[in-house]
Every structure is written in C-alpha cells, then in structure tokens.
Protein backbone atom coordinates (compact mmCIF):
# COMPACT_ATOMS: atom_id res chain seq x y z
CA MET A 1 170.83 15.04 178.10
CA LEU A 2 174.39 15.80 176.97
CA ASP A 3 175.10 19.50 177.43
CA THR A 4 178.52 20.80 176.42
CA GLY A 5 177.51 24.21 177.80
CA SER A 6 177.15 22.83 181.32
CA ASP A 7 180.30 22.67 183.46
CA VAL A 8 178.79 20.07 185.81
CA SER A 9 176.55 17.04 185.61
CA ILE A 10 173.32 17.61 187.49
CA ALA A 11 169.96 15.95 188.01
CA GLY A 12 166.68 16.85 189.60
CA GLU A 13 165.99 15.59 193.11
CA GLU A 14 162.93 13.78 191.75
CA VAL A 15 165.12 11.91 189.25
CA GLY A 16 167.48 10.77 191.99
CA GLU A 17 164.63 9.62 194.20
CA ARG A 18 162.93 7.75 191.35
CA LEU A 19 166.15 5.93 190.49
CA GLY A 20 166.96 5.16 194.13
CA TRP A 21 170.16 7.20 194.23
CA ARG A 22 171.74 7.88 197.62
CA ILE A 23 172.21 11.64 197.93
CA THR A 24 175.15 12.81 200.06
CA THR A 25 176.33 16.26 201.07
CA HIS A 26 178.64 18.05 198.65
CA ARG A 27 180.94 21.07 198.87
CA ILE A 28 179.09 22.80 196.02
CA LYS A 29 175.87 24.41 197.28
CA GLN A 30 174.94 26.47 194.21
CA VAL A 31 175.65 26.64 190.47
CA ASN A 32 174.75 29.30 187.94
CA VAL A 33 172.58 28.44 184.94
CA ALA A 34 172.97 29.84 181.42
CA ASN A 35 171.34 33.20 182.24
CA ASN A 36 173.62 33.51 185.31
CA GLU A 37 170.76 32.85 187.76
CA PRO A 38 171.68 30.72 190.78
CA MET A 39 170.46 27.12 191.14
CA CYS A 40 170.49 25.41 194.54
CA VAL A 41 172.49 22.17 194.95
CA ILE A 42 171.34 19.93 197.81
CA GLY A 43 174.01 17.25 197.42
CA ALA A 44 175.48 14.72 195.02
CA ALA A 45 174.93 11.13 193.99
CA TYR A 46 177.76 8.82 193.00
CA VAL A 47 176.25 6.36 190.56
CA ASP A 48 177.16 3.87 187.87
CA LEU A 49 175.53 4.89 184.58
CA ASN A 50 175.11 2.36 181.78
CA VAL A 51 176.17 4.17 178.61
CA GLY A 52 176.20 2.23 175.38
CA GLY A 53 176.69 -1.05 177.23
CA ARG A 54 179.52 0.10 179.47
CA VAL A 55 179.37 1.19 183.09
CA VAL A 56 180.57 4.71 183.84
CA GLU A 57 181.14 5.87 187.42
CA SER A 58 179.64 9.35 187.66
CA GLU A 59 179.28 12.19 190.14
CA ILE A 60 175.91 13.87 189.65
CA LEU A 61 174.97 17.03 191.55
CA ILE A 62 171.37 17.09 192.77
CA THR A 63 168.96 20.04 192.66
CA PRO A 64 165.25 20.43 193.35
CA ASP A 65 165.06 23.00 190.53
CA ILE A 66 165.01 20.71 187.45
CA ASN A 67 163.37 17.40 186.56
CA SER A 68 165.92 15.89 184.18
CA LEU A 69 169.49 14.55 184.06
CA ILE A 70 172.14 16.71 182.41
CA LEU A 71 175.56 15.25 181.67
CA GLY A 72 177.92 18.20 181.41
CA ILE A 73 181.33 18.82 179.92
CA ASN A 74 182.97 17.46 183.10
CA TRP A 75 181.36 14.07 182.42
CA LEU A 76 182.30 14.11 178.73
CA ARG A 77 185.94 14.89 179.61
CA GLN A 78 186.05 11.87 181.94
CA GLN A 79 185.12 9.64 179.00
CA GLY A 80 188.33 10.48 177.16
CA ARG A 81 188.36 10.72 173.40
CA PHE A 82 184.97 10.64 171.68
CA GLN A 83 183.46 11.36 168.29
CA TRP A 84 180.17 13.11 167.76
CA ASP A 85 178.50 12.63 164.38
CA PHE A 86 175.87 15.37 164.27
CA GLU A 87 174.61 14.42 160.81
CA LYS A 88 173.83 10.83 161.83
CA GLY A 89 172.89 11.73 165.42
CA GLN A 90 175.34 9.44 167.14
CA ILE A 91 178.31 9.49 169.49
CA ARG A 92 181.19 7.09 170.09
CA PHE A 93 183.65 6.86 172.97
CA GLY A 94 187.11 5.71 171.89
CA LYS A 95 186.77 2.84 169.42
CA GLU A 96 183.56 1.48 170.95
CA LYS A 97 180.28 1.07 169.08
CA TRP A 98 178.34 4.11 167.94
CA ILE A 99 175.51 5.11 170.28
CA GLU A 100 172.39 6.56 168.70
CA LEU A 101 171.35 9.86 170.26
CA ARG A 102 167.68 10.59 170.92
CA GLN A 103 165.71 13.77 171.25
CA GLU A 104 165.06 14.87 174.82
CA THR A 105 161.82 13.52 176.27
CA ASN A 106 159.93 14.13 179.48
CA SER A 107 160.15 10.50 180.59
CA ILE A 108 162.89 9.02 182.73
CA ARG A 109 163.89 5.39 182.16
C-alpha cells in the first residue's frame, strides 16, 4: 500500500517471514500511528522490491502489529519524480511506463 501519510515504510512481521526477509536490528524501536498511538518496531529488512518491472532497494521497518506492507513518503521520495493519475488509478516514476494501482487486498503476493 502506498501511504503518503506515513513517514516510514513498514511491514508486518508475518509479511517479512512469509517473503523470507532477513530482519536485522534497527535504531528505531517505535513509531506513532495516525492517532498518535505507539507501534513497536522489532527491526528492519533491506530488500529489493520489484516495482513496475524495475528493482528498488528498500528499507522496510518491521512490526508485529500489522499484517500488510506500507510504502511511506520516505520510499516515494527515494523514487525521485513521479506522477500520480488519480482519475485513471495509475502512477509513473520518471518517464517509465504507467503502473496500474489496485485496491488494497488481504492477500500478500
């Protein structure tokens, strides 16, 4: 999920385990969610994500408190210039091909 309201990229511990990510210690031990409640961070994974056919090196914080992957504003900034076409439901990084956005689902692929 792309979340411009999230300062960090974060995934559930279950997601990391399912995808075989190696979780390492991280200096951040807690983040605050939208309602200012704390969320525990148990570490980070440094992974290559395939986004629209290109590989993107990414730092993903890991928490036991959610069961999804959230790519925050920090991740979007690392991608450089991008266009978001809300009407057509697509996003494009630089001059690359448009990537169709999908509604959030409960499944992890």
